[in-house]
């Protein structure tokens, strides 16, 4: 279950951000962006955060929001960008080489502090 290690890394990132502020008493809200192609299971991540990582921290009662980021792929031959994967062959040039240009992200987008 790699979501636990992802949750731990998120917490480390949040704590690094909190070092910039002197008087944080608690974190109210955390918004996390997760790309559809990232391989992250939101349910496992949510469980890992709430049951294992955020307990007994300033983030313990924070509302956690998840924003899904769609997949975008680009044909390596002609550069055509697709917002969904429907086939393995480019409809413009007929080639089959694609690269993921978005949708594999995983990061903290916003933190609301008190």
PDB file of N, CA and C in Angstrom:
ATOM      1  N   UNK A   1       0.854  -1.180   0.000  1.00  0.00           N
ATOM      2  CA  UNK A   1       0.000   0.000   0.000  1.00  0.00           C
ATOM      3  C   UNK A   1       0.895   1.237   0.000  1.00  0.00           C
ATOM      4  N   UNK A   2       1.198   1.777  -1.180  1.00  0.00           N
ATOM      5  CA  UNK A   2       2.091   2.927  -1.273  1.00  0.00           C
ATOM      6  C   UNK A   2       1.405   4.224  -0.846  1.00  0.00           C
ATOM      7  N   UNK A   3       0.093   4.200  -0.643  1.00  0.00           N
ATOM      8  CA  UNK A   3      -0.608   5.406  -0.212  1.00  0.00           C
ATOM      9  C   UNK A   3      -0.159   5.863   1.167  1.00  0.00           C
ATOM     10  N   UNK A   4       0.224   4.947   2.036  1.00  0.00           N
ATOM     11  CA  UNK A   4       0.720   5.328   3.357  1.00  0.00           C
ATOM     12  C   UNK A   4       1.999   6.146   3.231  1.00  0.00           C
ATOM     13  N   UNK A   5       2.926   5.700   2.395  1.00  0.00           N
ATOM     14  CA  UNK A   5       4.167   6.476   2.226  1.00  0.00           C
ATOM     15  C   UNK A   5       3.883   7.805   1.529  1.00  0.00           C
ATOM     16  N   UNK A   6       2.914   7.832   0.622  1.00  0.00           N
ATOM     17  CA  UNK A   6       2.522   9.098   0.001  1.00  0.00           C
ATOM     18  C   UNK A   6       1.931  10.043   1.043  1.00  0.00           C
ATOM     19  N   UNK A   7       1.098   9.504   1.927  1.00  0.00           N
ATOM     20  CA  UNK A   7       0.507  10.314   2.997  1.00  0.00           C
ATOM     21  C   UNK A   7       1.600  10.869   3.915  1.00  0.00           C
ATOM     22  N   UNK A   8       2.582  10.059   4.224  1.00  0.00           N
ATOM     23  CA  UNK A   8       3.695  10.512   5.072  1.00  0.00           C
ATOM     24  C   UNK A   8       4.493  11.619   4.381  1.00  0.00           C
ATOM     25  N   UNK A   9       4.709  11.475   3.075  1.00  0.00           N
ATOM     26  CA  UNK A   9       5.425  12.509   2.321  1.00  0.00           C
ATOM     27  C   UNK A   9       4.619  13.802   2.252  1.00  0.00           C
ATOM     28  N   UNK A  10       3.299  13.676   2.086  1.00  0.00           N
ATOM     29  CA  UNK A  10       2.440  14.867   2.102  1.00  0.00           C
ATOM     30  C   UNK A  10       2.552  15.594   3.437  1.00  0.00           C
ATOM     31  N   UNK A  11       2.524  14.838   4.515  1.00  0.00           N
ATOM     32  CA  UNK A  11       2.617  15.437   5.842  1.00  0.00           C
ATOM     33  C   UNK A  11       3.955  16.143   6.017  1.00  0.00           C
ATOM     34  N   UNK A  12       5.021  15.556   5.529  1.00  0.00           N
ATOM     35  CA  UNK A  12       6.335  16.199   5.610  1.00  0.00           C
ATOM     36  C   UNK A  12       6.325  17.513   4.834  1.00  0.00           C
ATOM     37  N   UNK A  13       5.684  17.529   3.671  1.00  0.00           N
ATOM     38  CA  UNK A  13       5.582  18.757   2.877  1.00  0.00           C
ATOM     39  C   UNK A  13       4.767  19.815   3.616  1.00  0.00           C
ATOM     40  N   UNK A  14       3.669  19.393   4.216  1.00  0.00           N
ATOM     41  CA  UNK A  14       2.818  20.327   4.962  1.00  0.00           C
ATOM     42  C   UNK A  14       3.586  20.913   6.139  1.00  0.00           C
ATOM     43  N   UNK A  15       4.309  20.072   6.861  1.00  0.00           N
ATOM     44  CA  UNK A  15       5.084  20.560   8.006  1.00  0.00           C
ATOM     45  C   UNK A  15       6.165  21.538   7.573  1.00  0.00           C
ATOM     46  N   UNK A  16       6.776  21.311   6.415  1.00  0.00           N
ATOM     47  CA  UNK A  16       7.758  22.259   5.889  1.00  0.00           C
ATOM     48  C   UNK A  16       7.122  23.603   5.587  1.00  0.00           C
ATOM     49  N   UNK A  17       5.919  23.578   5.040  1.00  0.00           N
ATOM     50  CA  UNK A  17       5.196  24.818   4.756  1.00  0.00           C
ATOM     51  C   UNK A  17       4.844  25.534   6.059  1.00  0.00           C
ATOM     52  N   UNK A  18       4.412  24.781   7.060  1.00  0.00           N
ATOM     53  CA  UNK A  18       4.001  25.379   8.335  1.00  0.00           C
ATOM     54  C   UNK A  18       5.161  26.039   9.073  1.00  0.00           C
ATOM     55  N   UNK A  19       6.392  25.634   8.785  1.00  0.00           N
ATOM     56  CA  UNK A  19       7.565  26.248   9.421  1.00  0.00           C
ATOM     57  C   UNK A  19       7.681  27.734   9.088  1.00  0.00           C
ATOM     58  N   UNK A  20       7.041  28.151   7.996  1.00  0.00           N
ATOM     59  CA  UNK A  20       7.096  29.555   7.579  1.00  0.00           C
ATOM     60  C   UNK A  20       6.218  30.459   8.449  1.00  0.00           C
ATOM     61  N   UNK A  21       5.340  29.844   9.251  1.00  0.00           N
ATOM     62  CA  UNK A  21       4.383  30.608  10.048  1.00  0.00           C
ATOM     63  C   UNK A  21       4.618  30.332  11.524  1.00  0.00           C
ATOM     64  N   UNK A  22       4.610  31.398  12.323  1.00  0.00           N
ATOM     65  CA  UNK A  22       4.935  31.263  13.736  1.00  0.00           C
ATOM     66  C   UNK A  22       3.762  30.810  14.598  1.00  0.00           C
ATOM     67  N   UNK A  23       2.570  31.267  14.287  1.00  0.00           N
ATOM     68  CA  UNK A  23       1.468  31.076  15.218  1.00  0.00           C
ATOM     69  C   UNK A  23       0.350  30.162  14.703  1.00  0.00           C
ATOM     70  N   UNK A  24       0.699  29.113  14.010  1.00  0.00           N
ATOM     71  CA  UNK A  24      -0.323  28.190  13.519  1.00  0.00           C
ATOM     72  C   UNK A  24      -0.774  27.295  14.668  1.00  0.00           C
ATOM     73  N   UNK A  25      -2.074  27.338  14.952  1.00  0.00           N
ATOM     74  CA  UNK A  25      -2.606  26.479  16.009  1.00  0.00           C
ATOM     75  C   UNK A  25      -3.237  25.221  15.440  1.00  0.00           C
ATOM     76  N   UNK A  26      -3.784  25.345  14.227  1.00  0.00           N
ATOM     77  CA  UNK A  26      -4.302  24.147  13.573  1.00  0.00           C
ATOM     78  C   UNK A  26      -4.518  24.401  12.091  1.00  0.00           C
ATOM     79  N   UNK A  27      -4.575  23.310  11.355  1.00  0.00           N
ATOM     80  CA  UNK A  27      -4.863  23.363   9.933  1.00  0.00           C
ATOM     81  C   UNK A  27      -6.350  23.066   9.767  1.00  0.00           C
ATOM     82  N   UNK A  28      -7.044  23.966   9.068  1.00  0.00           N
ATOM     83  CA  UNK A  28      -8.493  23.841   8.883  1.00  0.00           C
ATOM     84  C   UNK A  28      -8.828  22.964   7.680  1.00  0.00           C
ATOM     85  N   UNK A  29      -8.097  23.179   6.582  1.00  0.00           N
ATOM     86  CA  UNK A  29      -8.436  22.496   5.336  1.00  0.00           C
ATOM     87  C   UNK A  29      -7.170  22.227   4.539  1.00  0.00           C
ATOM     88  N   UNK A  30      -7.152  21.063   3.886  1.00  0.00           N
ATOM     89  CA  UNK A  30      -6.047  20.688   3.003  1.00  0.00           C
ATOM     90  C   UNK A  30      -6.665  20.258   1.677  1.00  0.00           C
ATOM     91  N   UNK A  31      -6.203  20.863   0.590  1.00  0.00           N
ATOM     92  CA  UNK A  31      -6.686  20.472  -0.736  1.00  0.00           C
ATOM     93  C   UNK A  31      -5.553  19.773  -1.471  1.00  0.00           C
ATOM     94  N   UNK A  32      -5.821  18.555  -1.920  1.00  0.00           N
ATOM     95  CA  UNK A  32      -4.825  17.725  -2.577  1.00  0.00           C
ATOM     96  C   UNK A  32      -5.257  17.450  -4.008  1.00  0.00           C
ATOM     97  N   UNK A  33      -4.364  17.662  -4.956  1.00  0.00           N
ATOM     98  CA  UNK A  33      -4.632  17.365  -6.367  1.00  0.00           C
ATOM     99  C   UNK A  33      -4.071  15.999  -6.701  1.00  0.00           C
ATOM    100  N   UNK A  34      -4.900  15.194  -7.362  1.00  0.00           N
ATOM    101  CA  UNK A  34      -4.496  13.842  -7.734  1.00  0.00           C
ATOM    102  C   UNK A  34      -4.868  13.606  -9.192  1.00  0.00           C
ATOM    103  N   UNK A  35      -3.874  13.366 -10.011  1.00  0.00           N
ATOM    104  CA  UNK A  35      -4.107  13.072 -11.418  1.00  0.00           C
ATOM    105  C   UNK A  35      -4.705  11.690 -11.603  1.00  0.00           C
ATOM    106  N   UNK A  36      -5.597  11.583 -12.589  1.00  0.00           N
ATOM    107  CA  UNK A  36      -6.257  10.299 -12.853  1.00  0.00           C
ATOM    108  C   UNK A  36      -5.272   9.210 -13.264  1.00  0.00           C
ATOM    109  N   UNK A  37      -4.122   9.593 -13.784  1.00  0.00           N
ATOM    110  CA  UNK A  37      -3.113   8.612 -14.199  1.00  0.00           C
ATOM    111  C   UNK A  37      -2.002   8.437 -13.162  1.00  0.00           C
ATOM    112  N   UNK A  38      -2.188   8.980 -11.961  1.00  0.00           N
ATOM    113  CA  UNK A  38      -1.140   8.921 -10.938  1.00  0.00           C
ATOM    114  C   UNK A  38      -1.040   7.557 -10.269  1.00  0.00           C
ATOM    115  N   UNK A  39      -2.100   6.775 -10.344  1.00  0.00           N
ATOM    116  CA  UNK A  39      -2.096   5.479  -9.679  1.00  0.00           C
ATOM    117  C   UNK A  39      -2.418   5.551  -8.199  1.00  0.00           C
ATOM    118  N   UNK A  40      -2.818   6.736  -7.712  1.00  0.00           N
ATOM    119  CA  UNK A  40      -3.129   6.909  -6.297  1.00  0.00           C
ATOM    120  C   UNK A  40      -4.597   6.553  -6.063  1.00  0.00           C
ATOM    121  N   UNK A  41      -4.847   5.667  -5.107  1.00  0.00           N
ATOM    122  CA  UNK A  41      -6.199   5.310  -4.714  1.00  0.00           C
ATOM    123  C   UNK A  41      -6.637   6.297  -3.627  1.00  0.00           C
ATOM    124  N   UNK A  42      -7.612   7.128  -3.956  1.00  0.00           N
ATOM    125  CA  UNK A  42      -8.053   8.191  -3.046  1.00  0.00           C
ATOM    126  C   UNK A  42      -8.564   7.615  -1.725  1.00  0.00           C
ATOM    127  N   UNK A  43      -9.273   6.506  -1.767  1.00  0.00           N
ATOM    128  CA  UNK A  43      -9.807   5.912  -0.535  1.00  0.00           C
ATOM    129  C   UNK A  43      -8.699   5.444   0.394  1.00  0.00           C
ATOM    130  N   UNK A  44      -7.679   4.786  -0.166  1.00  0.00           N
ATOM    131  CA  UNK A  44      -6.546   4.344   0.665  1.00  0.00           C
ATOM    132  C   UNK A  44      -5.754   5.543   1.189  1.00  0.00           C
ATOM    133  N   UNK A  45      -5.582   6.554   0.339  1.00  0.00           N
ATOM    134  CA  UNK A  45      -4.866   7.749   0.773  1.00  0.00           C
ATOM    135  C   UNK A  45      -5.610   8.434   1.907  1.00  0.00           C
ATOM    136  N   UNK A  46      -6.915   8.595   1.749  1.00  0.00           N
ATOM    137  CA  UNK A  46      -7.741   9.237   2.773  1.00  0.00           C
ATOM    138  C   UNK A  46      -7.645   8.473   4.096  1.00  0.00           C
ATOM    139  N   UNK A  47      -7.733   7.166   4.030  1.00  0.00           N
ATOM    140  CA  UNK A  47      -7.605   6.340   5.239  1.00  0.00           C
ATOM    141  C   UNK A  47      -6.221   6.519   5.865  1.00  0.00           C
ATOM    142  N   UNK A  48      -5.182   6.464   5.046  1.00  0.00           N
ATOM    143  CA  UNK A  48      -3.816   6.608   5.561  1.00  0.00           C
ATOM    144  C   UNK A  48      -3.619   7.952   6.246  1.00  0.00           C
ATOM    145  N   UNK A  49      -4.143   9.006   5.628  1.00  0.00           N
ATOM    146  CA  UNK A  49      -4.013  10.335   6.225  1.00  0.00           C
ATOM    147  C   UNK A  49      -4.757  10.418   7.553  1.00  0.00           C
ATOM    148  N   UNK A  50      -6.038  10.071   7.528  1.00  0.00           N
ATOM    149  CA  UNK A  50      -6.889  10.264   8.713  1.00  0.00           C
ATOM    150  C   UNK A  50      -6.581   9.306   9.856  1.00  0.00           C
ATOM    151  N   UNK A  51      -6.239   8.082   9.541  1.00  0.00           N
ATOM    152  CA  UNK A  51      -6.054   7.079  10.597  1.00  0.00           C
ATOM    153  C   UNK A  51      -4.609   6.892  11.049  1.00  0.00           C
ATOM    154  N   UNK A  52      -3.654   7.328  10.251  1.00  0.00           N
ATOM    155  CA  UNK A  52      -2.260   7.038  10.594  1.00  0.00           C
ATOM    156  C   UNK A  52      -1.343   8.258  10.629  1.00  0.00           C
ATOM    157  N   UNK A  53      -1.543   9.218   9.732  1.00  0.00           N
ATOM    158  CA  UNK A  53      -0.556  10.281   9.570  1.00  0.00           C
ATOM    159  C   UNK A  53      -0.939  11.581  10.270  1.00  0.00           C
ATOM    160  N   UNK A  54      -2.188  11.987  10.187  1.00  0.00           N
ATOM    161  CA  UNK A  54      -2.596  13.290  10.720  1.00  0.00           C
ATOM    162  C   UNK A  54      -2.952  13.269  12.207  1.00  0.00           C
ATOM    163  N   UNK A  55      -3.158  12.091  12.758  1.00  0.00           N
ATOM    164  CA  UNK A  55      -3.531  11.999  14.176  1.00  0.00           C
ATOM    165  C   UNK A  55      -2.465  12.630  15.061  1.00  0.00           C
ATOM    166  N   UNK A  56      -2.950  13.339  16.077  1.00  0.00           N
ATOM    167  CA  UNK A  56      -2.083  13.991  17.065  1.00  0.00           C
ATOM    168  C   UNK A  56      -1.152  15.034  16.459  1.00  0.00           C
ATOM    169  N   UNK A  57      -1.607  15.677  15.381  1.00  0.00           N
ATOM    170  CA  UNK A  57      -0.851  16.781  14.776  1.00  0.00           C
ATOM    171  C   UNK A  57      -1.779  17.981  14.644  1.00  0.00           C
ATOM    172  N   UNK A  58      -1.246  19.107  14.210  1.00  0.00           N
ATOM    173  CA  UNK A  58      -2.076  20.299  13.993  1.00  0.00           C
ATOM    174  C   UNK A  58      -3.042  20.096  12.836  1.00  0.00           C
ATOM    175  N   UNK A  59      -2.888  19.027  12.098  1.00  0.00           N
ATOM    176  CA  UNK A  59      -3.748  18.713  10.944  1.00  0.00           C
ATOM    177  C   UNK A  59      -4.838  17.697  11.272  1.00  0.00           C
ATOM    178  N   UNK A  60      -4.873  17.230  12.523  1.00  0.00           N
ATOM    179  CA  UNK A  60      -5.740  16.105  12.870  1.00  0.00           C
ATOM    180  C   UNK A  60      -7.199  16.295  12.453  1.00  0.00           C
ATOM    181  N   UNK A  61      -7.764  17.455  12.654  1.00  0.00           N
ATOM    182  CA  UNK A  61      -9.182  17.674  12.345  1.00  0.00           C
ATOM    183  C   UNK A  61      -9.400  18.443  11.051  1.00  0.00           C
ATOM    184  N   UNK A  62      -8.388  18.527  10.231  1.00  0.00           N
ATOM    185  CA  UNK A  62      -8.500  19.270   8.979  1.00  0.00           C
ATOM    186  C   UNK A  62      -9.468  18.577   8.022  1.00  0.00           C
ATOM    187  N   UNK A  63     -10.215  19.394   7.307  1.00  0.00           N
ATOM    188  CA  UNK A  63     -11.061  18.882   6.230  1.00  0.00           C
ATOM    189  C   UNK A  63     -10.140  18.619   5.047  1.00  0.00           C
ATOM    190  N   UNK A  64     -10.231  17.434   4.480  1.00  0.00           N
ATOM    191  CA  UNK A  64      -9.374  17.086   3.352  1.00  0.00           C
ATOM    192  C   UNK A  64     -10.229  17.051   2.092  1.00  0.00           C
ATOM    193  N   UNK A  65      -9.815  17.824   1.107  1.00  0.00           N
ATOM    194  CA  UNK A  65     -10.511  17.864  -0.176  1.00  0.00           C
ATOM    195  C   UNK A  65      -9.585  17.294  -1.246  1.00  0.00           C
ATOM    196  N   UNK A  66     -10.177  16.568  -2.174  1.00  0.00           N
ATOM    197  CA  UNK A  66      -9.415  15.982  -3.265  1.00  0.00           C
ATOM    198  C   UNK A  66      -9.923  16.547  -4.587  1.00  0.00           C
ATOM    199  N   UNK A  67      -9.001  17.020  -5.398  1.00  0.00           N
ATOM    200  CA  UNK A  67      -9.327  17.520  -6.731  1.00  0.00           C
ATOM    201  C   UNK A  67      -8.736  16.555  -7.750  1.00  0.00           C
ATOM    202  N   UNK A  68      -9.607  16.015  -8.597  1.00  0.00           N
ATOM    203  CA  UNK A  68      -9.156  15.091  -9.645  1.00  0.00           C
ATOM    204  C   UNK A  68      -8.669  15.882 -10.843  1.00  0.00           C
ATOM    205  N   UNK A  69      -7.499  15.530 -11.336  1.00  0.00           N
ATOM    206  CA  UNK A  69      -6.943  16.173 -12.518  1.00  0.00           C
ATOM    207  C   UNK A  69      -7.035  15.205 -13.699  1.00  0.00           C
ATOM    208  N   UNK A  70      -7.632  15.647 -14.802  1.00  0.00           N
ATOM    209  CA  UNK A  70      -7.827  14.751 -15.939  1.00  0.00           C
ATOM    210  C   UNK A  70      -6.525  14.436 -16.660  1.00  0.00           C
ATOM    211  N   UNK A  71      -6.555  13.333 -17.375  1.00  0.00           N
ATOM    212  CA  UNK A  71      -5.407  12.899 -18.169  1.00  0.00           C
ATOM    213  C   UNK A  71      -5.395  13.634 -19.501  1.00  0.00           C
ATOM    214  N   UNK A  72      -4.219  14.084 -19.904  1.00  0.00           N
ATOM    215  CA  UNK A  72      -3.997  14.613 -21.247  1.00  0.00           C
ATOM    216  C   UNK A  72      -2.764  13.927 -21.797  1.00  0.00           C
ATOM    217  N   UNK A  73      -2.899  13.450 -23.035  1.00  0.00           N
ATOM    218  CA  UNK A  73      -1.757  12.801 -23.682  1.00  0.00           C
ATOM    219  C   UNK A  73      -1.452  13.516 -24.997  1.00  0.00           C
ATOM    220  N   UNK A  74      -0.207  13.377 -25.430  1.00  0.00           N
ATOM    221  CA  UNK A  74       0.241  14.039 -26.655  1.00  0.00           C
ATOM    222  C   UNK A  74       0.910  13.018 -27.560  1.00  0.00           C
ATOM    223  N   UNK A  75       0.550  13.071 -28.844  1.00  0.00           N
ATOM    224  CA  UNK A  75       1.178  12.205 -29.832  1.00  0.00           C
ATOM    225  C   UNK A  75       2.641  12.632 -29.984  1.00  0.00           C
ATOM    226  N   UNK A  76       3.547  11.685 -29.884  1.00  0.00           N
ATOM    227  CA  UNK A  76       4.974  11.994 -30.006  1.00  0.00           C
ATOM    228  C   UNK A  76       5.364  12.365 -31.434  1.00  0.00           C
ATOM    229  N   UNK A  77       4.561  11.962 -32.401  1.00  0.00           N
ATOM    230  CA  UNK A  77       4.892  12.243 -33.801  1.00  0.00           C
ATOM    231  C   UNK A  77       4.401  13.607 -34.265  1.00  0.00           C
ATOM    232  N   UNK A  78       3.114  13.893 -34.065  1.00  0.00           N
ATOM    233  CA  UNK A  78       2.555  15.132 -34.617  1.00  0.00           C
ATOM    234  C   UNK A  78       2.210  16.184 -33.572  1.00  0.00           C
ATOM    235  N   UNK A  79       2.190  15.803 -32.293  1.00  0.00           N
ATOM    236  CA  UNK A  79       1.911  16.770 -31.233  1.00  0.00           C
ATOM    237  C   UNK A  79       0.445  16.957 -30.893  1.00  0.00           C
ATOM    238  N   UNK A  80      -0.451  16.207 -31.530  1.00  0.00           N
ATOM    239  CA  UNK A  80      -1.879  16.305 -31.228  1.00  0.00           C
ATOM    240  C   UNK A  80      -2.108  15.956 -29.771  1.00  0.00           C
ATOM    241  N   UNK A  81      -2.902  16.799 -29.080  1.00  0.00           N
ATOM    242  CA  UNK A  81      -3.199  16.583 -27.664  1.00  0.00           C
ATOM    243  C   UNK A  81      -4.612  16.024 -27.529  1.00  0.00           C
ATOM    244  N   UNK A  82      -4.726  14.980 -26.714  1.00  0.00           N
ATOM    245  CA  UNK A  82      -6.006  14.330 -26.454  1.00  0.00           C
ATOM    246  C   UNK A  82      -6.359  14.488 -24.977  1.00  0.00           C
ATOM    247  N   UNK A  83      -7.628  14.745 -24.709  1.00  0.00           N
ATOM    248  CA  UNK A  83      -8.066  14.881 -23.322  1.00  0.00           C
ATOM    249  C   UNK A  83      -8.640  13.584 -22.776  1.00  0.00           C
ATOM    250  N   UNK A  84      -8.740  12.583 -23.627  1.00  0.00           N
ATOM    251  CA  UNK A  84      -9.115  11.261 -23.154  1.00  0.00           C
ATOM    252  C   UNK A  84      -8.453  10.215 -24.035  1.00  0.00           C
ATOM    253  N   UNK A  85      -8.226   9.072 -23.438  1.00  0.00           N
ATOM    254  CA  UNK A  85      -7.563   7.992 -24.161  1.00  0.00           C
ATOM    255  C   UNK A  85      -8.653   7.111 -24.761  1.00  0.00           C
ATOM    256  N   UNK A  86      -8.738   7.116 -26.087  1.00  0.00           N
ATOM    257  CA  UNK A  86      -9.771   6.324 -26.747  1.00  0.00           C
ATOM    258  C   UNK A  86      -9.181   5.223 -27.619  1.00  0.00           C
ATOM    259  N   UNK A  87      -7.955   5.388 -28.055  1.00  0.00           N
ATOM    260  CA  UNK A  87      -7.317   4.383 -28.915  1.00  0.00           C
ATOM    261  C   UNK A  87      -5.807   4.469 -28.746  1.00  0.00           C
ATOM    262  N   UNK A  88      -5.114   3.502 -29.286  1.00  0.00           N
ATOM    263  CA  UNK A  88      -3.646   3.489 -29.200  1.00  0.00           C
ATOM    264  C   UNK A  88      -2.983   4.125 -30.411  1.00  0.00           C
ATOM    265  N   UNK A  89      -3.800   4.646 -31.338  1.00  0.00           N
ATOM    266  CA  UNK A  89      -3.270   5.232 -32.564  1.00  0.00           C
ATOM    267  C   UNK A  89      -3.789   6.659 -32.704  1.00  0.00           C
ATOM    268  N   UNK A  90      -2.919   7.582 -33.043  1.00  0.00           N
ATOM    269  CA  UNK A  90      -3.292   8.975 -33.235  1.00  0.00           C
ATOM    270  C   UNK A  90      -4.259   9.085 -34.422  1.00  0.00           C
ATOM    271  N   UNK A  91      -5.344   9.812 -34.220  1.00  0.00           N
ATOM    272  CA  UNK A  91      -6.336   9.977 -35.290  1.00  0.00           C
ATOM    273  C   UNK A  91      -5.873  10.962 -36.358  1.00  0.00           C
ATOM    274  N   UNK A  92      -4.814  11.720 -36.086  1.00  0.00           N
ATOM    275  CA  UNK A  92      -4.300  12.696 -37.047  1.00  0.00           C
ATOM    276  C   UNK A  92      -3.228  12.082 -37.943  1.00  0.00           C
ATOM    277  N   UNK A  93      -2.212  11.461 -37.330  1.00  0.00           N
ATOM    278  CA  UNK A  93      -1.076  10.967 -38.118  1.00  0.00           C
ATOM    279  C   UNK A  93      -0.996   9.449 -38.228  1.00  0.00           C
ATOM    280  N   UNK A  94      -1.780   8.737 -37.432  1.00  0.00           N
ATOM    281  CA  UNK A  94      -1.776   7.280 -37.501  1.00  0.00           C
ATOM    282  C   UNK A  94      -0.671   6.599 -36.720  1.00  0.00           C
ATOM    283  N   UNK A  95       0.156   7.358 -36.030  1.00  0.00           N
ATOM    284  CA  UNK A  95       1.245   6.767 -35.237  1.00  0.00           C
ATOM    285  C   UNK A  95       0.716   6.320 -33.869  1.00  0.00           C
ATOM    286  N   UNK A  96       1.537   5.538 -33.157  1.00  0.00           N
ATOM    287  CA  UNK A  96       1.065   4.989 -31.886  1.00  0.00           C
ATOM    288  C   UNK A  96       1.889   5.406 -30.661  1.00  0.00           C
ATOM    289  N   UNK A  97       2.734   6.389 -30.752  1.00  0.00           N
ATOM    290  CA  UNK A  97       3.542   6.821 -29.613  1.00  0.00           C
ATOM    291  C   UNK A  97       2.935   8.020 -28.909  1.00  0.00           C
ATOM    292  N   UNK A  98       2.599   7.867 -27.629  1.00  0.00           N
ATOM    293  CA  UNK A  98       2.009   8.946 -26.840  1.00  0.00           C
ATOM    294  C   UNK A  98       2.815   9.182 -25.576  1.00  0.00           C
ATOM    295  N   UNK A  99       2.709  10.386 -25.043  1.00  0.00           N
ATOM    296  CA  UNK A  99       3.285  10.684 -23.736  1.00  0.00           C
ATOM    297  C   UNK A  99       2.229  11.380 -22.893  1.00  0.00           C
ATOM    298  N   UNK A 100       2.225  11.096 -21.606  1.00  0.00           N
ATOM    299  CA  UNK A 100       1.298  11.741 -20.678  1.00  0.00           C
ATOM    300  C   UNK A 100       1.850  13.126 -20.369  1.00  0.00           C
ATOM    301  N   UNK A 101       1.055  14.172 -20.640  1.00  0.00           N
ATOM    302  CA  UNK A 101       1.524  15.534 -20.351  1.00  0.00           C
ATOM    303  C   UNK A 101       0.853  16.127 -19.112  1.00  0.00           C
ATOM    304  N   UNK A 102      -0.252  15.530 -18.682  1.00  0.00           N
ATOM    305  CA  UNK A 102      -0.857  15.894 -17.405  1.00  0.00           C
ATOM    306  C   UNK A 102      -1.789  14.779 -16.968  1.00  0.00           C
ATOM    307  N   UNK A 103      -2.086  14.779 -15.685  1.00  0.00           N
ATOM    308  CA  UNK A 103      -2.935  13.736 -15.138  1.00  0.00           C
ATOM    309  C   UNK A 103      -2.176  12.733 -14.294  1.00  0.00           C
ATOM    310  N   UNK A 104      -0.865  12.924 -14.162  1.00  0.00           N
ATOM    311  CA  UNK A 104      -0.083  12.051 -13.289  1.00  0.00           C
ATOM    312  C   UNK A 104       0.448  12.813 -12.066  1.00  0.00           C
ATOM    313  N   UNK A 105      -0.095  14.007 -11.842  1.00  0.00           N
ATOM    314  CA  UNK A 105       0.351  14.848 -10.735  1.00  0.00           C
ATOM    315  C   UNK A 105      -0.188  14.342  -9.393  1.00  0.00           C
ATOM    316  N   UNK A 106       0.491  14.748  -8.340  1.00  0.00           N
ATOM    317  CA  UNK A 106       0.065  14.459  -6.971  1.00  0.00           C
ATOM    318  C   UNK A 106       0.729  15.494  -6.071  1.00  0.00           C
ATOM    319  N   UNK A 107      -0.066  16.432  -5.529  1.00  0.00           N
ATOM    320  CA  UNK A 107       0.524  17.499  -4.724  1.00  0.00           C
ATOM    321  C   UNK A 107      -0.522  18.191  -3.851  1.00  0.00           C
ATOM    322  N   UNK A 108      -0.041  18.912  -2.840  1.00  0.00           N
ATOM    323  CA  UNK A 108      -0.896  19.736  -1.989  1.00  0.00           C
ATOM    324  C   UNK A 108      -1.094  21.064  -2.701  1.00  0.00           C
ATOM    325  N   UNK A 109      -2.338  21.422  -2.981  1.00  0.00           N
ATOM    326  CA  UNK A 109      -2.651  22.660  -3.687  1.00  0.00           C
ATOM    327  C   UNK A 109      -2.887  23.818  -2.736  1.00  0.00           C
ATOM    328  N   UNK A 110      -3.623  23.568  -1.647  1.00  0.00           N
ATOM    329  CA  UNK A 110      -3.967  24.631  -0.692  1.00  0.00           C
ATOM    330  C   UNK A 110      -3.967  24.103   0.729  1.00  0.00           C
ATOM    331  N   UNK A 111      -3.605  24.996   1.634  1.00  0.00           N
ATOM    332  CA  UNK A 111      -3.697  24.703   3.072  1.00  0.00           C
ATOM    333  C   UNK A 111      -4.320  25.911   3.732  1.00  0.00           C
ATOM    334  N   UNK A 112      -5.395  25.706   4.470  1.00  0.00           N
ATOM    335  CA  UNK A 112      -6.034  26.802   5.206  1.00  0.00           C
ATOM    336  C   UNK A 112      -5.654  26.666   6.672  1.00  0.00           C
ATOM    337  N   UNK A 113      -5.101  27.733   7.220  1.00  0.00           N
ATOM    338  CA  UNK A 113      -4.559  27.704   8.584  1.00  0.00           C
ATOM    339  C   UNK A 113      -5.384  28.553   9.544  1.00  0.00           C
ATOM    340  N   UNK A 114      -5.213  28.249  10.822  1.00  0.00           N
ATOM    341  CA  UNK A 114      -5.826  29.071  11.871  1.00  0.00           C
ATOM    342  C   UNK A 114      -4.727  29.539  12.799  1.00  0.00           C
TER     343      UNK A 114
END
